[in-house]
Amino acid sequence: MKYSEGQPAVLGDRVELWDSMIGTIVCTIDDNQYSPEFAREHLADKGRGVFVKADDGPVFYYDEADEDFEPLGRAGSARILKIS
């Protein structure tokens, strides 16, 4: 899956799902990358897309980025891409 500006969504990226709902990508099915707490055998049946765990706990599935799905920081980087 890619963000609206064309960058690929990567495991560990910080994203804004919508206004003030922020989370971390916990699996990218397209790239076959899964965090330890989210096992491939439970999520890969979707076929494509990403799962995002919100900071307040819920997990959301996206098969494509919508207009509100915005990158905030890349995995392994302290660099902020967008400040709201």
PDB file of N, CA and C in Angstrom:
ATOM      1  N   MET A   1       0.838  -1.166   0.000  1.00  0.00           N
ATOM      2  CA  MET A   1       0.000   0.000   0.000  1.00  0.00           C
ATOM      3  C   MET A   1       0.888   1.235   0.000  1.00  0.00           C
ATOM      4  N   LYS A   2       0.427   2.273  -0.675  1.00  0.00           N
ATOM      5  CA  LYS A   2       1.182   3.520  -0.734  1.00  0.00           C
ATOM      6  C   LYS A   2       0.351   4.664  -0.171  1.00  0.00           C
ATOM      7  N   TYR A   3       1.073   5.643   0.398  1.00  0.00           N
ATOM      8  CA  TYR A   3       0.421   6.864   0.845  1.00  0.00           C
ATOM      9  C   TYR A   3      -0.004   7.671  -0.380  1.00  0.00           C
ATOM     10  N   SER A   4      -0.841   8.663  -0.188  1.00  0.00           N
ATOM     11  CA  SER A   4      -1.346   9.457  -1.314  1.00  0.00           C
ATOM     12  C   SER A   4      -0.236  10.128  -2.110  1.00  0.00           C
ATOM     13  N   GLU A   5       0.907  10.436  -1.465  1.00  0.00           N
ATOM     14  CA  GLU A   5       2.018  11.071  -2.191  1.00  0.00           C
ATOM     15  C   GLU A   5       2.956  10.056  -2.845  1.00  0.00           C
ATOM     16  N   GLY A   6       2.614   8.758  -2.782  1.00  0.00           N
ATOM     17  CA  GLY A   6       3.360   7.742  -3.511  1.00  0.00           C
ATOM     18  C   GLY A   6       4.364   6.922  -2.722  1.00  0.00           C
ATOM     19  N   GLN A   7       4.692   7.319  -1.479  1.00  0.00           N
ATOM     20  CA  GLN A   7       5.635   6.548  -0.665  1.00  0.00           C
ATOM     21  C   GLN A   7       4.964   5.266  -0.191  1.00  0.00           C
ATOM     22  N   PRO A   8       5.706   4.167  -0.127  1.00  0.00           N
ATOM     23  CA  PRO A   8       5.116   2.936   0.394  1.00  0.00           C
ATOM     24  C   PRO A   8       4.929   3.010   1.914  1.00  0.00           C
ATOM     25  N   ALA A   9       3.838   2.451   2.396  1.00  0.00           N
ATOM     26  CA  ALA A   9       3.612   2.322   3.841  1.00  0.00           C
ATOM     27  C   ALA A   9       4.486   1.178   4.340  1.00  0.00           C
ATOM     28  N   VAL A  10       5.215   1.408   5.442  1.00  0.00           N
ATOM     29  CA  VAL A  10       6.205   0.450   5.945  1.00  0.00           C
ATOM     30  C   VAL A  10       5.882   0.090   7.394  1.00  0.00           C
ATOM     31  N   LEU A  11       6.156  -1.151   7.756  1.00  0.00           N
ATOM     32  CA  LEU A  11       5.975  -1.611   9.127  1.00  0.00           C
ATOM     33  C   LEU A  11       6.667  -0.651  10.087  1.00  0.00           C
ATOM     34  N   GLY A  12       5.938  -0.191  11.095  1.00  0.00           N
ATOM     35  CA  GLY A  12       6.499   0.724  12.084  1.00  0.00           C
ATOM     36  C   GLY A  12       6.268   2.198  11.812  1.00  0.00           C
ATOM     37  N   ASP A  13       5.780   2.540  10.619  1.00  0.00           N
ATOM     38  CA  ASP A  13       5.477   3.948  10.329  1.00  0.00           C
ATOM     39  C   ASP A  13       4.417   4.464  11.288  1.00  0.00           C
ATOM     40  N   ARG A  14       4.547   5.729  11.666  1.00  0.00           N
ATOM     41  CA  ARG A  14       3.523   6.411  12.454  1.00  0.00           C
ATOM     42  C   ARG A  14       2.596   7.131  11.475  1.00  0.00           C
ATOM     43  N   VAL A  15       1.298   6.981  11.667  1.00  0.00           N
ATOM     44  CA  VAL A  15       0.338   7.550  10.736  1.00  0.00           C
ATOM     45  C   VAL A  15      -0.816   8.227  11.478  1.00  0.00           C
ATOM     46  N   GLU A  16      -1.400   9.197  10.801  1.00  0.00           N
ATOM     47  CA  GLU A  16      -2.636   9.801  11.275  1.00  0.00           C
ATOM     48  C   GLU A  16      -3.755   9.172  10.468  1.00  0.00           C
ATOM     49  N   LEU A  17      -4.708   8.544  11.139  1.00  0.00           N
ATOM     50  CA  LEU A  17      -5.805   7.875  10.452  1.00  0.00           C
ATOM     51  C   LEU A  17      -6.912   8.861  10.098  1.00  0.00           C
ATOM     52  N   TRP A  18      -7.189   9.755  11.005  1.00  0.00           N
ATOM     53  CA  TRP A  18      -8.086  10.881  10.812  1.00  0.00           C
ATOM     54  C   TRP A  18      -7.771  11.871  11.915  1.00  0.00           C
ATOM     55  N   ASP A  19      -8.488  12.956  11.960  1.00  0.00           N
ATOM     56  CA  ASP A  19      -8.185  14.026  12.905  1.00  0.00           C
ATOM     57  C   ASP A  19      -7.986  13.502  14.326  1.00  0.00           C
ATOM     58  N   SER A  20      -6.802  13.651  14.841  1.00  0.00           N
ATOM     59  CA  SER A  20      -6.365  13.276  16.197  1.00  0.00           C
ATOM     60  C   SER A  20      -6.394  11.771  16.491  1.00  0.00           C
ATOM     61  N   MET A  21      -6.530  10.919  15.495  1.00  0.00           N
ATOM     62  CA  MET A  21      -6.407   9.466  15.685  1.00  0.00           C
ATOM     63  C   MET A  21      -5.078   9.049  15.058  1.00  0.00           C
ATOM     64  N   ILE A  22      -4.103   8.718  15.914  1.00  0.00           N
ATOM     65  CA  ILE A  22      -2.746   8.411  15.475  1.00  0.00           C
ATOM     66  C   ILE A  22      -2.400   6.987  15.878  1.00  0.00           C
ATOM     67  N   GLY A  23      -1.629   6.308  15.028  1.00  0.00           N
ATOM     68  CA  GLY A  23      -1.240   4.942  15.332  1.00  0.00           C
ATOM     69  C   GLY A  23       0.033   4.541  14.615  1.00  0.00           C
ATOM     70  N   THR A  24       0.340   3.240  14.715  1.00  0.00           N
ATOM     71  CA  THR A  24       1.544   2.667  14.133  1.00  0.00           C
ATOM     72  C   THR A  24       1.163   1.499  13.238  1.00  0.00           C
ATOM     73  N   ILE A  25       1.773   1.416  12.067  1.00  0.00           N
ATOM     74  CA  ILE A  25       1.528   0.278  11.179  1.00  0.00           C
ATOM     75  C   ILE A  25       2.143  -0.963  11.811  1.00  0.00           C
ATOM     76  N   VAL A  26       1.317  -1.977  12.061  1.00  0.00           N
ATOM     77  CA  VAL A  26       1.767  -3.199  12.733  1.00  0.00           C
ATOM     78  C   VAL A  26       1.897  -4.380  11.785  1.00  0.00           C
ATOM     79  N   CYS A  27       1.417  -4.234  10.559  1.00  0.00           N
ATOM     80  CA  CYS A  27       1.684  -5.245   9.532  1.00  0.00           C
ATOM     81  C   CYS A  27       1.422  -4.667   8.161  1.00  0.00           C
ATOM     82  N   THR A  28       2.236  -5.084   7.206  1.00  0.00           N
ATOM     83  CA  THR A  28       2.033  -4.727   5.808  1.00  0.00           C
ATOM     84  C   THR A  28       1.942  -6.039   5.036  1.00  0.00           C
ATOM     85  N   ILE A  29       0.737  -6.400   4.679  1.00  0.00           N
ATOM     86  CA  ILE A  29       0.509  -7.675   3.994  1.00  0.00           C
ATOM     87  C   ILE A  29       1.194  -7.684   2.638  1.00  0.00           C
ATOM     88  N   ASP A  30       1.160  -6.561   1.921  1.00  0.00           N
ATOM     89  CA  ASP A  30       1.778  -6.471   0.596  1.00  0.00           C
ATOM     90  C   ASP A  30       3.255  -6.860   0.628  1.00  0.00           C
ATOM     91  N   ASP A  31       3.950  -6.470   1.699  1.00  0.00           N
ATOM     92  CA  ASP A  31       5.391  -6.729   1.823  1.00  0.00           C
ATOM     93  C   ASP A  31       5.697  -7.911   2.740  1.00  0.00           C
ATOM     94  N   ASN A  32       4.634  -8.569   3.229  1.00  0.00           N
ATOM     95  CA  ASN A  32       4.801  -9.742   4.093  1.00  0.00           C
ATOM     96  C   ASN A  32       5.613  -9.415   5.357  1.00  0.00           C
ATOM     97  N   GLN A  33       5.308  -8.264   5.980  1.00  0.00           N
ATOM     98  CA  GLN A  33       5.981  -7.833   7.204  1.00  0.00           C
ATOM     99  C   GLN A  33       4.961  -7.750   8.325  1.00  0.00           C
ATOM    100  N   TYR A  34       5.281  -8.400   9.442  1.00  0.00           N
ATOM    101  CA  TYR A  34       4.363  -8.487  10.576  1.00  0.00           C
ATOM    102  C   TYR A  34       5.121  -8.211  11.865  1.00  0.00           C
ATOM    103  N   SER A  35       4.542  -7.407  12.751  1.00  0.00           N
ATOM    104  CA  SER A  35       5.160  -7.184  14.050  1.00  0.00           C
ATOM    105  C   SER A  35       4.922  -8.425  14.913  1.00  0.00           C
ATOM    106  N   PRO A  36       5.734  -8.624  15.944  1.00  0.00           N
ATOM    107  CA  PRO A  36       5.614  -9.833  16.768  1.00  0.00           C
ATOM    108  C   PRO A  36       4.224 -10.049  17.383  1.00  0.00           C
ATOM    109  N   GLU A  37       3.516  -8.983  17.714  1.00  0.00           N
ATOM    110  CA  GLU A  37       2.212  -9.150  18.345  1.00  0.00           C
ATOM    111  C   GLU A  37       1.070  -9.415  17.359  1.00  0.00           C
ATOM    112  N   PHE A  38       1.343  -9.318  16.057  1.00  0.00           N
ATOM    113  CA  PHE A  38       0.322  -9.545  15.035  1.00  0.00           C
ATOM    114  C   PHE A  38       0.826 -10.597  14.059  1.00  0.00           C
ATOM    115  N   ALA A  39       0.415 -11.832  14.271  1.00  0.00           N
ATOM    116  CA  ALA A  39       0.924 -12.979  13.516  1.00  0.00           C
ATOM    117  C   ALA A  39       0.374 -13.031  12.091  1.00  0.00           C
ATOM    118  N   ARG A  40       1.234 -13.412  11.181  1.00  0.00           N
ATOM    119  CA  ARG A  40       0.887 -13.530   9.767  1.00  0.00           C
ATOM    120  C   ARG A  40      -0.317 -14.443   9.559  1.00  0.00           C
ATOM    121  N   GLU A  41      -0.354 -15.574  10.226  1.00  0.00           N
ATOM    122  CA  GLU A  41      -1.427 -16.537   9.998  1.00  0.00           C
ATOM    123  C   GLU A  41      -2.816 -16.012  10.364  1.00  0.00           C
ATOM    124  N   HIS A  42      -2.872 -14.946  11.150  1.00  0.00           N
ATOM    125  CA  HIS A  42      -4.163 -14.367  11.519  1.00  0.00           C
ATOM    126  C   HIS A  42      -4.570 -13.190  10.636  1.00  0.00           C
ATOM    127  N   LEU A  43      -3.618 -12.636   9.884  1.00  0.00           N
ATOM    128  CA  LEU A  43      -3.908 -11.410   9.149  1.00  0.00           C
ATOM    129  C   LEU A  43      -3.773 -11.531   7.637  1.00  0.00           C
ATOM    130  N   ALA A  44      -2.982 -12.456   7.152  1.00  0.00           N
ATOM    131  CA  ALA A  44      -2.659 -12.535   5.722  1.00  0.00           C
ATOM    132  C   ALA A  44      -3.857 -12.887   4.853  1.00  0.00           C
ATOM    133  N   ASP A  45      -4.943 -13.363   5.437  1.00  0.00           N
ATOM    134  CA  ASP A  45      -6.108 -13.735   4.637  1.00  0.00           C
ATOM    135  C   ASP A  45      -6.741 -12.543   3.926  1.00  0.00           C
ATOM    136  N   LYS A  46      -6.397 -11.330   4.329  1.00  0.00           N
ATOM    137  CA  LYS A  46      -6.912 -10.126   3.660  1.00  0.00           C
ATOM    138  C   LYS A  46      -6.321  -9.983   2.257  1.00  0.00           C
ATOM    139  N   GLY A  47      -5.109 -10.518   2.034  1.00  0.00           N
ATOM    140  CA  GLY A  47      -4.498 -10.484   0.712  1.00  0.00           C
ATOM    141  C   GLY A  47      -3.647  -9.268   0.415  1.00  0.00           C
ATOM    142  N   ARG A  48      -4.020  -8.117   0.953  1.00  0.00           N
ATOM    143  CA  ARG A  48      -3.246  -6.890   0.729  1.00  0.00           C
ATOM    144  C   ARG A  48      -3.611  -5.862   1.780  1.00  0.00           C
ATOM    145  N   GLY A  49      -2.820  -4.798   1.858  1.00  0.00           N
ATOM    146  CA  GLY A  49      -3.119  -3.701   2.756  1.00  0.00           C
ATOM    147  C   GLY A  49      -2.263  -3.693   4.012  1.00  0.00           C
ATOM    148  N   VAL A  50      -2.702  -2.884   4.984  1.00  0.00           N
ATOM    149  CA  VAL A  50      -1.978  -2.723   6.247  1.00  0.00           C
ATOM    150  C   VAL A  50      -2.957  -2.769   7.416  1.00  0.00           C
ATOM    151  N   PHE A  51      -2.427  -3.122   8.588  1.00  0.00           N
ATOM    152  CA  PHE A  51      -3.149  -2.987   9.846  1.00  0.00           C
ATOM    153  C   PHE A  51      -2.429  -1.916  10.659  1.00  0.00           C
ATOM    154  N   VAL A  52      -3.209  -1.051  11.290  1.00  0.00           N
ATOM    155  CA  VAL A  52      -2.671   0.040  12.095  1.00  0.00           C
ATOM    156  C   VAL A  52      -3.245  -0.084  13.494  1.00  0.00           C
ATOM    157  N   LYS A  53      -2.346  -0.067  14.493  1.00  0.00           N
ATOM    158  CA  LYS A  53      -2.798  -0.065  15.881  1.00  0.00           C
ATOM    159  C   LYS A  53      -2.790   1.373  16.366  1.00  0.00           C
ATOM    160  N   ALA A  54      -3.971   1.877  16.721  1.00  0.00           N
ATOM    161  CA  ALA A  54      -4.095   3.242  17.225  1.00  0.00           C
ATOM    162  C   ALA A  54      -3.452   3.345  18.601  1.00  0.00           C
ATOM    163  N   ASP A  55      -2.975   4.526  18.930  1.00  0.00           N
ATOM    164  CA  ASP A  55      -2.330   4.746  20.219  1.00  0.00           C
ATOM    165  C   ASP A  55      -3.253   4.415  21.394  1.00  0.00           C
ATOM    166  N   ASP A  56      -4.551   4.556  21.203  1.00  0.00           N
ATOM    167  CA  ASP A  56      -5.483   4.246  22.290  1.00  0.00           C
ATOM    168  C   ASP A  56      -6.014   2.817  22.244  1.00  0.00           C
ATOM    169  N   GLY A  57      -5.437   1.961  21.364  1.00  0.00           N
ATOM    170  CA  GLY A  57      -5.722   0.536  21.416  1.00  0.00           C
ATOM    171  C   GLY A  57      -6.386  -0.150  20.239  1.00  0.00           C
ATOM    172  N   PRO A  58      -7.405   0.429  19.589  1.00  0.00           N
ATOM    173  CA  PRO A  58      -8.056  -0.307  18.509  1.00  0.00           C
ATOM    174  C   PRO A  58      -7.131  -0.536  17.312  1.00  0.00           C
ATOM    175  N   VAL A  59      -7.437  -1.587  16.555  1.00  0.00           N
ATOM    176  CA  VAL A  59      -6.660  -1.921  15.358  1.00  0.00           C
ATOM    177  C   VAL A  59      -7.573  -1.739  14.149  1.00  0.00           C
ATOM    178  N   PHE A  60      -7.042  -1.080  13.116  1.00  0.00           N
ATOM    179  CA  PHE A  60      -7.802  -0.786  11.911  1.00  0.00           C
ATOM    180  C   PHE A  60      -7.119  -1.390  10.696  1.00  0.00           C
ATOM    181  N   TYR A  61      -7.922  -1.844   9.746  1.00  0.00           N
ATOM    182  CA  TYR A  61      -7.408  -2.416   8.501  1.00  0.00           C
ATOM    183  C   TYR A  61      -7.680  -1.443   7.358  1.00  0.00           C
ATOM    184  N   TYR A  62      -6.667  -1.236   6.513  1.00  0.00           N
ATOM    185  CA  TYR A  62      -6.801  -0.424   5.303  1.00  0.00           C
ATOM    186  C   TYR A  62      -6.265  -1.215   4.122  1.00  0.00           C
ATOM    187  N   ASP A  63      -7.045  -1.311   3.061  1.00  0.00           N
ATOM    188  CA  ASP A  63      -6.519  -1.945   1.851  1.00  0.00           C
ATOM    189  C   ASP A  63      -6.012  -0.900   0.864  1.00  0.00           C
ATOM    190  N   GLU A  64      -6.339   0.369   1.132  1.00  0.00           N
ATOM    191  CA  GLU A  64      -5.759   1.487   0.394  1.00  0.00           C
ATOM    192  C   GLU A  64      -5.880   2.736   1.248  1.00  0.00           C
ATOM    193  N   ALA A  65      -4.968   3.664   1.011  1.00  0.00           N
ATOM    194  CA  ALA A  65      -4.967   4.900   1.793  1.00  0.00           C
ATOM    195  C   ALA A  65      -6.116   5.789   1.332  1.00  0.00           C
ATOM    196  N   ASP A  66      -6.812   6.385   2.279  1.00  0.00           N
ATOM    197  CA  ASP A  66      -7.823   7.370   1.918  1.00  0.00           C
ATOM    198  C   ASP A  66      -7.247   8.761   2.143  1.00  0.00           C
ATOM    199  N   GLU A  67      -8.057   9.778   1.938  1.00  0.00           N
ATOM    200  CA  GLU A  67      -7.543  11.151   2.022  1.00  0.00           C
ATOM    201  C   GLU A  67      -7.113  11.550   3.430  1.00  0.00           C
ATOM    202  N   ASP A  68      -7.578  10.852   4.446  1.00  0.00           N
ATOM    203  CA  ASP A  68      -7.195  11.181   5.822  1.00  0.00           C
ATOM    204  C   ASP A  68      -5.971  10.411   6.312  1.00  0.00           C
ATOM    205  N   PHE A  69      -5.613   9.339   5.645  1.00  0.00           N
ATOM    206  CA  PHE A  69      -4.511   8.460   6.050  1.00  0.00           C
ATOM    207  C   PHE A  69      -3.189   9.127   5.668  1.00  0.00           C
ATOM    208  N   GLU A  70      -2.488   9.699   6.642  1.00  0.00           N
ATOM    209  CA  GLU A  70      -1.286  10.503   6.372  1.00  0.00           C
ATOM    210  C   GLU A  70      -0.086  10.011   7.179  1.00  0.00           C
ATOM    211  N   PRO A  71       1.097   9.943   6.552  1.00  0.00           N
ATOM    212  CA  PRO A  71       2.305   9.566   7.304  1.00  0.00           C
ATOM    213  C   PRO A  71       2.755  10.704   8.219  1.00  0.00           C
ATOM    214  N   LEU A  72       3.170  10.349   9.427  1.00  0.00           N
ATOM    215  CA  LEU A  72       3.717  11.326  10.366  1.00  0.00           C
ATOM    216  C   LEU A  72       5.210  11.131  10.552  1.00  0.00           C
ATOM    217  N   GLY A  73       5.661   9.879  10.575  1.00  0.00           N
ATOM    218  CA  GLY A  73       7.075   9.570  10.751  1.00  0.00           C
ATOM    219  C   GLY A  73       7.374   8.194  10.202  1.00  0.00           C
ATOM    220  N   ARG A  74       8.540   8.051   9.613  1.00  0.00           N
ATOM    221  CA  ARG A  74       8.936   6.769   9.030  1.00  0.00           C
ATOM    222  C   ARG A  74       9.468   5.846  10.114  1.00  0.00           C
ATOM    223  N   ALA A  75       9.311   4.566   9.892  1.00  0.00           N
ATOM    224  CA  ALA A  75       9.803   3.541  10.818  1.00  0.00           C
ATOM    225  C   ALA A  75      11.284   3.743  11.077  1.00  0.00           C
ATOM    226  N   GLY A  76      11.672   3.684  12.346  1.00  0.00           N
ATOM    227  CA  GLY A  76      13.079   3.804  12.712  1.00  0.00           C
ATOM    228  C   GLY A  76      13.647   5.203  12.570  1.00  0.00           C
ATOM    229  N   SER A  77      12.787   6.177  12.432  1.00  0.00           N
ATOM    230  CA  SER A  77      13.245   7.545  12.237  1.00  0.00           C
ATOM    231  C   SER A  77      12.531   8.471  13.199  1.00  0.00           C
ATOM    232  N   ALA A  78      13.251   9.430  13.722  1.00  0.00           N
ATOM    233  CA  ALA A  78      12.642  10.435  14.583  1.00  0.00           C
ATOM    234  C   ALA A  78      12.139  11.613  13.762  1.00  0.00           C
ATOM    235  N   ARG A  79      12.373  11.582  12.444  1.00  0.00           N
ATOM    236  CA  ARG A  79      11.992  12.672  11.583  1.00  0.00           C
ATOM    237  C   ARG A  79      10.468  12.759  11.456  1.00  0.00           C
ATOM    238  N   ILE A  80       9.946  13.930  11.636  1.00  0.00           N
ATOM    239  CA  ILE A  80       8.519  14.173  11.493  1.00  0.00           C
ATOM    240  C   ILE A  80       8.250  14.642  10.069  1.00  0.00           C
ATOM    241  N   LEU A  81       7.312  13.973   9.395  1.00  0.00           N
ATOM    242  CA  LEU A  81       6.982  14.341   8.026  1.00  0.00           C
ATOM    243  C   LEU A  81       5.868  15.356   7.951  1.00  0.00           C
ATOM    244  N   LYS A  82       5.011  15.372   8.965  1.00  0.00           N
ATOM    245  CA  LYS A  82       3.879  16.300   8.950  1.00  0.00           C
ATOM    246  C   LYS A  82       3.546  16.671  10.380  1.00  0.00           C
ATOM    247  N   ILE A  83       3.264  17.903  10.594  1.00  0.00           N
ATOM    248  CA  ILE A  83       2.836  18.350  11.925  1.00  0.00           C
ATOM    249  C   ILE A  83       1.445  18.940  11.786  1.00  0.00           C
ATOM    250  N   SER A  84       0.515  18.431  12.563  1.00  0.00           N
ATOM    251  CA  SER A  84      -0.861  18.915  12.497  1.00  0.00           C
ATOM    252  C   SER A  84      -1.090  19.982  13.535  1.00  0.00           C
TER     253      SER A  84
END
